[in-house]
C-alpha atoms as a PDB file:
ATOM      1  CA  MET A   1      61.150 141.121 120.589  1.00  0.00           C
ATOM      2  CA  LYS A   2      63.834 139.086 118.811  1.00  0.00           C
ATOM      3  CA  ILE A   3      63.026 138.066 115.246  1.00  0.00           C
ATOM      4  CA  ALA A   4      65.089 135.739 113.033  1.00  0.00           C
ATOM      5  CA  PHE A   5      65.214 136.183 109.269  1.00  0.00           C
ATOM      6  CA  PRO A   6      67.016 133.517 107.192  1.00  0.00           C
ATOM      7  CA  ALA A   7      69.368 135.036 104.626  1.00  0.00           C
ATOM      8  CA  GLU A   8      72.007 134.076 102.068  1.00  0.00           C
ATOM      9  CA  LYS A   9      73.852 137.389 101.928  1.00  0.00           C
ATOM     10  CA  PHE A  10      74.480 139.610 104.966  1.00  0.00           C
ATOM     11  CA  ASP A  11      73.821 143.296 104.518  1.00  0.00           C
ATOM     12  CA  GLY A  12      72.271 144.097 107.892  1.00  0.00           C
ATOM     13  CA  LEU A  13      68.657 145.197 107.566  1.00  0.00           C
ATOM     14  CA  GLU A  14      69.073 145.317 103.783  1.00  0.00           C
ATOM     15  CA  SER A  15      69.737 141.538 103.612  1.00  0.00           C
ATOM     16  CA  PRO A  16      67.260 139.795 101.293  1.00  0.00           C
ATOM     17  CA  VAL A  17      65.094 137.287 103.189  1.00  0.00           C
ATOM     18  CA  HIS A  18      65.873 133.734 102.040  1.00  0.00           C
ATOM     19  CA  ASN A  19      63.038 131.548 100.777  1.00  0.00           C
ATOM     20  CA  HIS A  20      63.617 128.526 103.052  1.00  0.00           C
ATOM     21  CA  PHE A  21      64.581 128.262 106.719  1.00  0.00           C
ATOM     22  CA  GLY A  22      66.841 125.213 106.734  1.00  0.00           C
ATOM     23  CA  SER A  23      68.904 126.038 103.644  1.00  0.00           C
ATOM     24  CA  ALA A  24      69.823 129.614 104.597  1.00  0.00           C
ATOM     25  CA  ASN A  25      73.537 130.227 105.136  1.00  0.00           C
ATOM     26  CA  PHE A  26      72.815 132.388 108.166  1.00  0.00           C
ATOM     27  CA  PHE A  27      70.168 134.303 110.066  1.00  0.00           C
ATOM     28  CA  VAL A  28      69.753 137.990 110.737  1.00  0.00           C
ATOM     29  CA  ILE A  29      68.374 138.311 114.252  1.00  0.00           C
ATOM     30  CA  VAL A  30      66.766 141.679 114.905  1.00  0.00           C
ATOM     31  CA  ASP A  31      66.136 142.901 118.444  1.00  0.00           C
ATOM     32  CA  THR A  32      63.295 145.402 118.128  1.00  0.00           C
ATOM     33  CA  GLU A  33      63.892 146.763 121.644  1.00  0.00           C
ATOM     34  CA  THR A  34      67.555 147.663 121.132  1.00  0.00           C
ATOM     35  CA  GLU A  35      67.184 148.204 117.370  1.00  0.00           C
ATOM     36  CA  THR A  36      70.215 146.024 116.670  1.00  0.00           C
ATOM     37  CA  CYS A  37      70.802 143.123 114.324  1.00  0.00           C
ATOM     38  CA  GLU A  38      73.165 140.179 114.591  1.00  0.00           C
ATOM     39  CA  LYS A  39      74.494 137.762 111.988  1.00  0.00           C
ATOM     40  CA  VAL A  40      74.297 134.109 113.099  1.00  0.00           C
ATOM     41  CA  LEU A  41      75.740 131.343 110.939  1.00  0.00           C
ATOM     42  CA  ASN A  42      73.378 128.418 110.319  1.00  0.00           C
ATOM     43  CA  GLN A  43      74.774 125.764 112.675  1.00  0.00           C
ATOM     44  CA  ASP A  44      72.602 123.048 111.057  1.00  0.00           C
ATOM     45  CA  LEU A  45      73.093 123.808 107.373  1.00  0.00           C
ATOM     46  CA  ASP A  46      74.176 120.274 106.433  1.00  0.00           C
ATOM     47  CA  HIS A  47      71.169 118.505 107.969  1.00  0.00           C
ATOM     48  CA  GLN A  48      69.353 115.734 106.107  1.00  0.00           C
ATOM     49  CA  HIS A  49      66.070 116.730 104.489  1.00  0.00           C
ATOM     50  CA  GLY A  50      63.315 116.612 107.114  1.00  0.00           C
ATOM     51  CA  LYS A  51      65.799 116.490 110.004  1.00  0.00           C
ATOM     52  CA  CYS A  52      66.279 120.231 110.592  1.00  0.00           C
ATOM     53  CA  GLN A  53      67.194 121.241 114.134  1.00  0.00           C
ATOM     54  CA  PRO A  54      66.036 124.871 114.112  1.00  0.00           C
ATOM     55  CA  LEU A  55      67.314 125.781 117.574  1.00  0.00           C
ATOM     56  CA  LYS A  56      70.748 124.433 116.624  1.00  0.00           C
ATOM     57  CA  ALA A  57      70.518 126.312 113.309  1.00  0.00           C
ATOM     58  CA  LEU A  58      69.979 129.548 115.257  1.00  0.00           C
ATOM     59  CA  GLY A  59      73.088 128.854 117.308  1.00  0.00           C
ATOM     60  CA  GLY A  60      70.985 128.422 120.440  1.00  0.00           C
ATOM     61  CA  ARG A  61      69.888 132.050 120.342  1.00  0.00           C
ATOM     62  CA  PRO A  62      66.372 132.535 121.701  1.00  0.00           C
ATOM     63  CA  VAL A  63      63.926 134.223 119.335  1.00  0.00           C
ATOM     64  CA  ASP A  64      60.272 135.191 119.611  1.00  0.00           C
ATOM     65  CA  ALA A  65      59.516 134.926 115.899  1.00  0.00           C
ATOM     66  CA  VAL A  66      60.866 133.763 112.543  1.00  0.00           C
ATOM     67  CA  VAL A  67      60.002 135.456 109.235  1.00  0.00           C
ATOM     68  CA  VAL A  68      60.643 133.185 106.248  1.00  0.00           C
ATOM     69  CA  GLY A  69      59.351 132.331 102.784  1.00  0.00           C
ATOM     70  CA  GLY A  70      59.107 128.616 103.507  1.00  0.00           C
ATOM     71  CA  ILE A  71      59.724 126.098 106.250  1.00  0.00           C
ATOM     72  CA  GLY A  72      59.404 122.333 106.608  1.00  0.00           C
ATOM     73  CA  GLY A  73      57.088 120.579 109.013  1.00  0.00           C
ATOM     74  CA  SER A  74      59.815 119.382 111.360  1.00  0.00           C
ATOM     75  CA  ALA A  75      61.338 122.841 111.836  1.00  0.00           C
ATOM     76  CA  PHE A  76      57.866 124.401 112.067  1.00  0.00           C
ATOM     77  CA  GLY A  77      56.811 121.971 114.787  1.00  0.00           C
ATOM     78  CA  LYS A  78      59.997 122.319 116.811  1.00  0.00           C
ATOM     79  CA  LEU A  79      59.923 126.117 116.723  1.00  0.00           C
ATOM     80  CA  SER A  80      56.200 126.272 117.469  1.00  0.00           C
ATOM     81  CA  SER A  81      56.610 123.942 120.456  1.00  0.00           C
ATOM     82  CA  LYS A  82      59.079 126.448 121.908  1.00  0.00           C
ATOM     83  CA  GLY A  83      56.602 129.311 121.530  1.00  0.00           C
ATOM     84  CA  VAL A  84      58.215 130.803 118.420  1.00  0.00           C
ATOM     85  CA  THR A  85      55.704 132.407 116.032  1.00  0.00           C
ATOM     86  CA  ILE A  86      56.460 131.857 112.339  1.00  0.00           C
ATOM     87  CA  TYR A  87      55.418 134.451 109.777  1.00  0.00           C
ATOM     88  CA  LYS A  88      55.347 134.118 105.993  1.00  0.00           C
ATOM     89  CA  ALA A  89      57.800 136.600 104.484  1.00  0.00           C
ATOM     90  CA  SER A  90      57.064 138.639 101.424  1.00  0.00           C
ATOM     91  CA  GLU A  91      59.756 139.097  98.819  1.00  0.00           C
ATOM     92  CA  GLY A  92      62.233 141.734  99.881  1.00  0.00           C
ATOM     93  CA  THR A  93      64.677 142.696 102.586  1.00  0.00           C
ATOM     94  CA  VAL A  94      64.761 142.167 106.325  1.00  0.00           C
ATOM     95  CA  ARG A  95      63.842 145.845 106.755  1.00  0.00           C
ATOM     96  CA  GLN A  96      60.817 145.593 104.431  1.00  0.00           C
ATOM     97  CA  ASN A  97      59.552 142.443 106.139  1.00  0.00           C
ATOM     98  CA  LEU A  98      60.171 143.886 109.605  1.00  0.00           C
ATOM     99  CA  GLU A  99      58.082 146.935 108.690  1.00  0.00           C
ATOM    100  CA  LYS A 100      55.285 144.699 107.394  1.00  0.00           C
ATOM    101  CA  LEU A 101      55.422 142.568 110.536  1.00  0.00           C
ATOM    102  CA  GLN A 102      55.223 145.629 112.760  1.00  0.00           C
ATOM    103  CA  ALA A 103      52.295 146.930 110.691  1.00  0.00           C
ATOM    104  CA  GLY A 104      50.495 143.587 111.115  1.00  0.00           C
ATOM    105  CA  SER A 105      50.482 142.733 107.414  1.00  0.00           C
ATOM    106  CA  LEU A 106      52.464 139.456 107.482  1.00  0.00           C
ATOM    107  CA  LYS A 107      50.391 136.348 108.033  1.00  0.00           C
ATOM    108  CA  GLU A 108      51.308 133.563 110.408  1.00  0.00           C
ATOM    109  CA  PHE A 109      52.257 130.250 108.831  1.00  0.00           C
ATOM    110  CA  GLN A 110      49.483 127.682 108.896  1.00  0.00           C
ATOM    111  CA  SER A 111      49.811 123.927 108.386  1.00  0.00           C
ATOM    112  CA  LEU A 112      48.803 124.334 104.718  1.00  0.00           C
ATOM    113  CA  ASP A 113      51.786 126.659 104.160  1.00  0.00           C
ATOM    114  CA  ILE A 114      54.389 124.133 105.329  1.00  0.00           C
ATOM    115  CA  CYS A 115      56.721 122.618 102.739  1.00  0.00           C
ATOM    116  CA  GLY A 116      56.118 118.984 101.969  1.00  0.00           C
ATOM    117  CA  GLY A 117      59.318 118.767  99.942  1.00  0.00           C
ATOM    118  CA  HIS A 118      61.684 120.985  98.051  1.00  0.00           C
ATOM    119  CA  GLY A 119      60.208 122.106  94.753  1.00  0.00           C
ATOM    120  CA  ASP A 120      56.983 120.211  94.115  1.00  0.00           C
ATOM    121  CA  ALA A 121      54.908 121.076  97.184  1.00  0.00           C
ATOM    122  CA  CYS A 122      56.368 124.523  97.852  1.00  0.00           C
ATOM    123  CA  ASP A 123      55.250 127.664  96.086  1.00  0.00           C
ATOM    124  CA  HIS A 124      58.135 129.750  97.435  1.00  0.00           C
ATOM    125  CA  HIS A 125      60.876 128.072  95.394  1.00  0.00           C
END
């Protein structure tokens, strides 16, 4: 399984998970089968609000899941339509969130969790 974690600072599995998908500087993509992680620069960082292209952001790399604190409706819909499961991250590192995901303790994003705008409608900011 390949899982993408948005991050601002790269420190492998110790990278803190960023609180919003589209504004992360890069993604840490963890392959749970090979136990490796890869740093991928956000190829869509300068998108207009609401116009996120999540597959472009991930540099075209296929992933099975995304673990993030917050995500907008456009990115959520585009990822979901490609079969990508989105999980709500808890505060902490990629490693901590990966362990929680593997233990089944991270919840899947629901439509009520989606950001309506930066700040006002989002509790993760």
